[in-house]
Amino acid sequence: MKKSVFALLLCVFVTSFSWSQEWLTSFKFAKRLALMEDKMILAVWENSASYAYPVLIEDNKGIKYEVKLFEDENANKLVWEYFVPVIISESNYDDLAAEYLTDKNYKYKDRFNDDFLKVMDPNGNIINTGFQDEYGILNLTRLIRSYALNLSFLKSEMTGYFENKSFSSAFRLAVKYLDFATYAKDDVKKEIVNLSDIYMNEAKSLLEKSNFDNKSALTQKIELLDLNKDLILGRHRKVYRALKKTNETSIDKINKSLYAFLQYASLKGIGKIEESLKWQDQVSQNDLNKIKFITK
């Protein structure tokens, strides 16, 4: 009941904001709203929003024109249509850095710290670490084309993690992100895989501290899922070589189907069609449906 009331109040509150085109100023609220609306967050540091922020917008004919992001009505309509926009207070920097920058690479930390617009998932993890300005000015239309992702595919796992961070919720979200990357456009596959890595690394850390009875089998599953990442990114021969070094008898029963999928997809991907067929019957129908996206 409380959640229903909160959701209703959230809808009323955000409607008033979107009509006025004002960006949100509560990061916590923005994350909850993004979860509810299956959207990514568009975030910027407070100091970066205090000056004219030029962006490029393309019209239907591909003609680009420059506008000021926080002053142009059309630009803000676009932002609200495709994202949940939020201006993050500089006073929150230390707490957010402590929460989000542990074990992150230089590129991620650089994007977290810079004045650039940051596209985040509802948990606050950045996806657009590799996106660059166009001639020194951000192309908002191109940013939308790449990162205005509909997250409804991840709804259950995203909500599970949002409400309760654990090995299980982090692992499930990481795996679901890999599935999401499988079906995604080529220009964002790698960055979605990178998001999956964030949650998988968290799952690994929690697994190491656990006393699960099937700890070794779960560790093996995570290792096999690392190969699945390579398949998604078109590195079929790399996966083929890695699997050649494995012994099928060492594969735990809970990982048999995943192992068969990796064998089938990698062999098919490098053109060994006949050899791949011996694995086909061991692959789940759900995984078979992914093959055309992995071996195209």
Protein backbone atom coordinates (compact mmCIF):
# COMPACT_ATOMS: atom_id res chain seq x y z
CA MET A 1 0.00 0.00 0.00
CA LYS A 2 2.79 2.42 0.95
CA LYS A 3 4.57 1.73 -2.35
CA SER A 4 1.37 2.40 -4.31
CA VAL A 5 0.85 5.73 -2.57
CA PHE A 6 4.50 6.65 -3.12
CA ALA A 7 4.25 5.78 -6.81
CA LEU A 8 1.13 7.96 -7.16
CA LEU A 9 2.81 10.90 -5.43
CA LEU A 10 5.87 10.36 -7.61
CA CYS A 11 3.76 10.55 -10.77
CA VAL A 12 2.11 13.79 -9.66
CA PHE A 13 5.43 15.31 -8.64
CA VAL A 14 7.28 14.43 -11.83
CA THR A 15 4.38 15.59 -14.02
CA SER A 16 4.70 19.06 -12.54
CA PHE A 17 8.45 18.98 -13.11
CA SER A 18 8.23 17.78 -16.70
CA TRP A 19 5.65 20.46 -17.54
CA SER A 20 8.00 23.13 -16.22
CA GLN A 21 11.02 21.44 -17.85
CA GLU A 22 13.03 21.88 -14.66
CA TRP A 23 15.65 19.24 -13.95
CA LEU A 24 15.36 17.26 -10.73
CA THR A 25 17.81 18.06 -7.94
CA SER A 26 17.46 14.92 -5.82
CA PHE A 27 19.63 12.04 -7.06
CA LYS A 28 17.80 9.60 -4.80
CA PHE A 29 14.45 10.66 -6.22
CA ALA A 30 15.78 10.52 -9.81
CA LYS A 31 16.92 6.92 -9.33
CA ARG A 32 13.53 5.86 -7.99
CA LEU A 33 11.74 7.63 -10.84
CA ALA A 34 14.04 6.06 -13.46
CA LEU A 35 13.29 2.64 -11.99
CA MET A 36 9.56 3.31 -12.17
CA GLU A 37 9.68 4.66 -15.75
CA ASP A 38 12.22 2.12 -17.13
CA LYS A 39 14.49 4.97 -18.22
CA MET A 40 18.12 5.92 -17.94
CA ILE A 41 19.14 8.95 -15.87
CA LEU A 42 20.81 11.98 -17.46
CA ALA A 43 22.96 13.57 -14.76
CA VAL A 44 25.27 16.56 -14.51
CA TRP A 45 27.18 18.14 -11.64
CA GLU A 46 25.69 21.32 -10.19
CA ASN A 47 28.62 23.55 -11.14
CA SER A 48 28.46 22.31 -14.74
CA ALA A 49 24.80 23.35 -14.91
CA SER A 50 25.50 26.87 -13.67
CA TYR A 51 26.70 28.14 -17.05
CA ALA A 52 25.42 28.02 -20.62
CA TYR A 53 25.80 24.39 -21.68
CA PRO A 54 25.87 24.30 -25.50
CA VAL A 55 24.58 21.16 -27.23
CA LEU A 56 23.81 20.20 -30.82
CA ILE A 57 20.34 19.08 -31.87
CA GLU A 58 19.55 17.54 -35.26
CA ASP A 59 16.28 18.13 -37.09
CA ASN A 60 14.48 15.58 -39.30
CA LYS A 61 16.75 16.46 -42.23
CA GLY A 62 19.91 15.91 -40.22
CA ILE A 63 20.68 19.61 -40.00
CA LYS A 64 22.41 20.47 -36.72
CA TYR A 65 21.87 23.58 -34.70
CA GLU A 66 23.36 24.73 -31.43
CA VAL A 67 21.25 25.55 -28.37
CA LYS A 68 21.81 26.10 -24.66
CA LEU A 69 20.73 22.95 -22.84
CA PHE A 70 19.27 24.49 -19.69
CA GLU A 71 17.62 27.40 -21.49
CA ASP A 72 16.17 25.87 -24.65
CA GLU A 73 12.62 24.52 -24.29
CA ASN A 74 12.94 21.96 -27.13
CA ALA A 75 16.19 20.56 -25.72
CA ASN A 76 14.62 20.08 -22.30
CA LYS A 77 11.52 18.47 -23.81
CA LEU A 78 13.79 15.95 -25.50
CA VAL A 79 15.67 15.31 -22.27
CA TRP A 80 12.46 14.68 -20.32
CA GLU A 81 11.02 12.50 -23.06
CA TYR A 82 13.95 10.09 -23.13
CA PHE A 83 15.64 10.36 -19.72
CA VAL A 84 15.15 11.28 -16.10
CA PRO A 85 17.29 14.44 -15.84
CA VAL A 86 18.95 15.43 -12.57
CA ILE A 87 21.44 18.04 -11.41
CA ILE A 88 23.63 16.53 -8.67
CA SER A 89 24.74 18.74 -5.81
CA GLU A 90 28.49 19.21 -5.44
CA SER A 91 28.04 18.64 -1.71
CA ASN A 92 27.21 15.00 -2.46
CA TYR A 93 30.46 14.37 -4.32
CA ASP A 94 32.45 12.67 -1.54
CA ASP A 95 29.64 10.29 -0.60
CA LEU A 96 28.90 9.39 -4.23
CA ALA A 97 32.58 8.92 -5.06
CA ALA A 98 32.95 6.55 -2.12
CA GLU A 99 29.88 4.61 -3.26
CA TYR A 100 30.51 4.45 -7.01
CA LEU A 101 34.24 4.70 -7.73
CA THR A 102 35.62 1.70 -5.83
CA ASP A 103 37.45 -0.63 -8.24
CA LYS A 104 36.44 1.45 -11.30
CA ASN A 105 38.89 2.06 -14.16
CA TYR A 106 40.35 5.43 -15.16
CA LYS A 107 37.86 6.02 -17.97
CA TYR A 108 34.92 5.52 -15.62
CA LYS A 109 36.40 7.78 -12.93
CA ASP A 110 37.16 10.45 -15.52
CA ARG A 111 33.55 10.50 -16.76
CA PHE A 112 32.26 10.55 -13.18
CA ASN A 113 34.39 13.60 -12.41
CA ASP A 114 34.09 15.62 -15.63
CA ASP A 115 31.55 18.26 -16.70
CA PHE A 116 30.07 15.96 -19.35
CA LEU A 117 26.48 14.69 -19.19
CA LYS A 118 26.44 11.27 -17.56
CA VAL A 119 23.94 8.61 -18.63
CA MET A 120 23.26 6.26 -15.71
CA ASP A 121 21.05 3.30 -15.02
CA PRO A 122 18.51 3.55 -12.15
CA ASN A 123 21.18 2.39 -9.70
CA GLY A 124 23.46 5.29 -10.65
CA ASN A 125 26.05 3.39 -12.71
CA ILE A 126 27.37 5.25 -15.75
CA ILE A 127 27.11 3.76 -19.24
CA ASN A 128 28.46 6.49 -21.56
CA THR A 129 32.09 6.33 -20.48
CA GLY A 130 33.33 6.27 -24.08
CA PHE A 131 31.01 8.87 -25.64
CA GLN A 132 32.80 11.97 -26.94
CA ASP A 133 31.80 15.51 -27.84
CA GLU A 134 31.37 16.41 -31.49
CA TYR A 135 33.83 19.23 -32.30
CA GLY A 136 33.84 20.18 -28.62
CA ILE A 137 30.04 20.32 -28.34
CA LEU A 138 27.83 17.49 -27.14
CA ASN A 139 25.46 16.14 -29.80
CA LEU A 140 22.30 15.61 -27.77
CA THR A 141 20.49 13.85 -30.61
CA ARG A 142 23.30 11.32 -30.98
CA LEU A 143 23.38 10.80 -27.21
CA ILE A 144 19.66 10.03 -27.27
CA ARG A 145 19.99 7.62 -30.20
CA SER A 146 22.66 5.65 -28.37
CA TYR A 147 21.60 5.73 -24.73
CA ALA A 148 17.86 6.41 -24.43
CA LEU A 149 17.35 2.76 -23.56
CA ASN A 150 14.01 1.23 -22.61
CA LEU A 151 14.85 -0.77 -19.49
CA SER A 152 11.57 -2.68 -19.22
CA PHE A 153 13.46 -5.85 -20.25
CA LEU A 154 15.43 -5.53 -16.99
CA LYS A 155 12.48 -4.53 -14.79
CA SER A 156 12.32 -7.52 -12.46
CA GLU A 157 16.08 -7.86 -11.93
CA MET A 158 16.62 -4.08 -11.69
CA THR A 159 13.91 -3.78 -9.06
CA GLY A 160 15.23 -6.78 -7.14
CA TYR A 161 18.69 -5.24 -6.90
CA PHE A 162 17.36 -1.73 -6.20
CA GLU A 163 15.34 -2.99 -3.24
CA ASN A 164 17.85 -5.51 -1.85
CA LYS A 165 21.53 -5.63 -2.80
CA SER A 166 22.84 -9.19 -2.39
CA PHE A 167 24.85 -11.78 -4.29
CA SER A 168 21.68 -13.14 -5.86
CA SER A 169 20.27 -9.78 -6.97
CA ALA A 170 23.62 -8.51 -8.28
CA PHE A 171 24.27 -11.76 -10.16
CA ARG A 172 20.82 -11.87 -11.72
CA LEU A 173 21.05 -8.26 -12.88
CA ALA A 174 24.52 -8.85 -14.33
CA VAL A 175 23.25 -11.84 -16.32
CA LYS A 176 20.17 -9.94 -17.48
CA TYR A 177 22.37 -7.09 -18.68
CA LEU A 178 24.30 -9.63 -20.79
CA ASP A 179 21.02 -10.74 -22.35
CA PHE A 180 20.15 -7.09 -22.92
CA ALA A 181 23.51 -6.54 -24.64
CA THR A 182 22.85 -9.55 -26.88
CA TYR A 183 19.82 -7.85 -28.41
CA ALA A 184 21.15 -4.27 -28.29
CA LYS A 185 22.44 -2.12 -31.14
CA ASP A 186 26.08 -2.70 -31.98
CA ASP A 187 27.19 0.78 -30.92
CA VAL A 188 26.18 0.21 -27.28
CA LYS A 189 26.79 -3.53 -26.82
CA LYS A 190 30.23 -3.03 -25.28
CA GLU A 191 29.03 -0.38 -22.86
CA ILE A 192 26.09 -2.50 -21.74
CA VAL A 193 28.52 -5.37 -21.18
CA ASN A 194 30.58 -2.96 -19.07
CA LEU A 195 27.49 -2.26 -16.96
CA SER A 196 27.04 -5.99 -16.51
CA ASP A 197 30.64 -6.17 -15.31
CA ILE A 198 29.90 -3.70 -12.51
CA TYR A 199 27.22 -5.96 -11.07
CA MET A 200 29.13 -9.18 -11.76
CA ASN A 201 32.19 -7.83 -9.95
CA GLU A 202 29.98 -7.02 -6.99
CA ALA A 203 28.51 -10.53 -7.13
CA LYS A 204 32.01 -12.03 -7.22
CA SER A 205 33.03 -10.06 -4.15
CA LEU A 206 29.94 -11.15 -2.24
CA LEU A 207 30.40 -14.76 -3.36
CA GLU A 208 33.96 -14.82 -2.05
CA LYS A 209 32.71 -13.78 1.38
CA SER A 210 29.86 -16.30 1.37
CA ASN A 211 29.63 -19.84 2.67
CA PHE A 212 27.26 -21.18 0.00
CA ASP A 213 27.29 -24.96 -0.45
CA ASN A 214 27.55 -24.54 -4.24
CA LYS A 215 30.18 -21.80 -4.12
CA SER A 216 32.56 -23.56 -6.53
CA ALA A 217 29.79 -24.17 -9.07
CA LEU A 218 28.74 -20.51 -8.92
CA THR A 219 32.37 -19.44 -9.35
CA GLN A 220 32.57 -21.64 -12.42
CA LYS A 221 29.34 -20.16 -13.78
CA ILE A 222 30.79 -16.64 -13.48
CA GLU A 223 33.91 -17.79 -15.35
CA LEU A 224 31.76 -19.23 -18.15
CA LEU A 225 29.72 -16.03 -18.29
CA ASP A 226 32.97 -14.15 -18.93
CA LEU A 227 33.20 -16.18 -22.15
CA ASN A 228 29.59 -15.31 -22.92
CA LYS A 229 30.64 -11.65 -22.91
CA ASP A 230 33.17 -12.40 -25.63
CA LEU A 231 30.50 -14.13 -27.70
CA ILE A 232 28.24 -11.09 -27.46
CA LEU A 233 31.10 -8.89 -28.66
CA GLY A 234 31.81 -11.14 -31.65
CA ARG A 235 34.98 -12.79 -30.30
CA HIS A 236 33.93 -16.30 -31.29
CA ARG A 237 37.40 -17.65 -31.95
CA LYS A 238 38.64 -16.45 -28.56
CA VAL A 239 35.81 -18.39 -26.89
CA TYR A 240 36.53 -21.43 -29.07
CA ARG A 241 40.19 -21.44 -28.01
CA ALA A 242 39.30 -21.05 -24.33
CA LEU A 243 36.81 -23.92 -24.44
CA LYS A 244 39.40 -26.16 -26.11
CA LYS A 245 41.37 -25.93 -22.86
CA THR A 246 38.44 -27.03 -20.69
CA ASN A 247 37.50 -30.55 -19.68
CA GLU A 248 33.79 -31.25 -20.06
CA THR A 249 33.83 -33.59 -17.08
CA SER A 250 34.86 -30.69 -14.84
CA ILE A 251 31.69 -28.74 -15.65
CA ASP A 252 29.22 -28.73 -12.77
CA LYS A 253 25.71 -29.95 -13.57
CA ILE A 254 24.20 -26.49 -12.97
CA ASN A 255 26.49 -25.14 -15.72
CA LYS A 256 26.01 -27.86 -18.35
CA SER A 257 23.46 -25.91 -20.40
CA LEU A 258 25.57 -22.72 -20.37
CA TYR A 259 28.66 -24.70 -21.35
CA ALA A 260 26.77 -26.35 -24.23
CA PHE A 261 25.54 -22.94 -25.39
CA LEU A 262 29.08 -21.54 -25.42
CA GLN A 263 30.31 -24.54 -27.41
CA TYR A 264 27.43 -24.37 -29.88
CA ALA A 265 27.58 -20.61 -30.43
CA SER A 266 31.38 -20.35 -30.70
CA LEU A 267 31.60 -23.25 -33.16
CA LYS A 268 28.78 -21.85 -35.25
CA GLY A 269 30.39 -18.42 -35.11
CA ILE A 270 33.64 -19.66 -36.63
CA GLY A 271 31.90 -21.70 -39.30
CA LYS A 272 32.23 -25.19 -37.76
CA ILE A 273 28.53 -25.89 -38.31
CA GLU A 274 28.63 -29.70 -38.30
CA GLU A 275 30.73 -29.80 -35.17
CA SER A 276 28.34 -27.38 -33.46
CA LEU A 277 25.29 -29.57 -34.04
CA LYS A 278 26.32 -32.15 -31.43
CA TRP A 279 25.74 -29.48 -28.77
CA GLN A 280 22.42 -28.17 -30.03
CA ASP A 281 20.13 -30.54 -28.13
CA GLN A 282 21.77 -29.55 -24.84
CA VAL A 283 21.06 -25.86 -25.35
CA SER A 284 17.91 -24.33 -23.89
CA GLN A 285 15.37 -22.83 -26.27
CA ASN A 286 15.90 -19.44 -24.67
CA ASP A 287 19.61 -19.58 -25.52
CA LEU A 288 18.95 -20.91 -29.02
CA ASN A 289 16.89 -17.79 -29.66
CA LYS A 290 20.00 -15.68 -29.01
CA ILE A 291 22.15 -17.41 -31.63
CA LYS A 292 21.11 -15.27 -34.59
CA PHE A 293 22.10 -12.15 -32.67
CA ILE A 294 25.47 -13.60 -31.67
CA THR A 295 26.56 -15.27 -34.91
CA LYS A 296 25.21 -12.75 -37.44
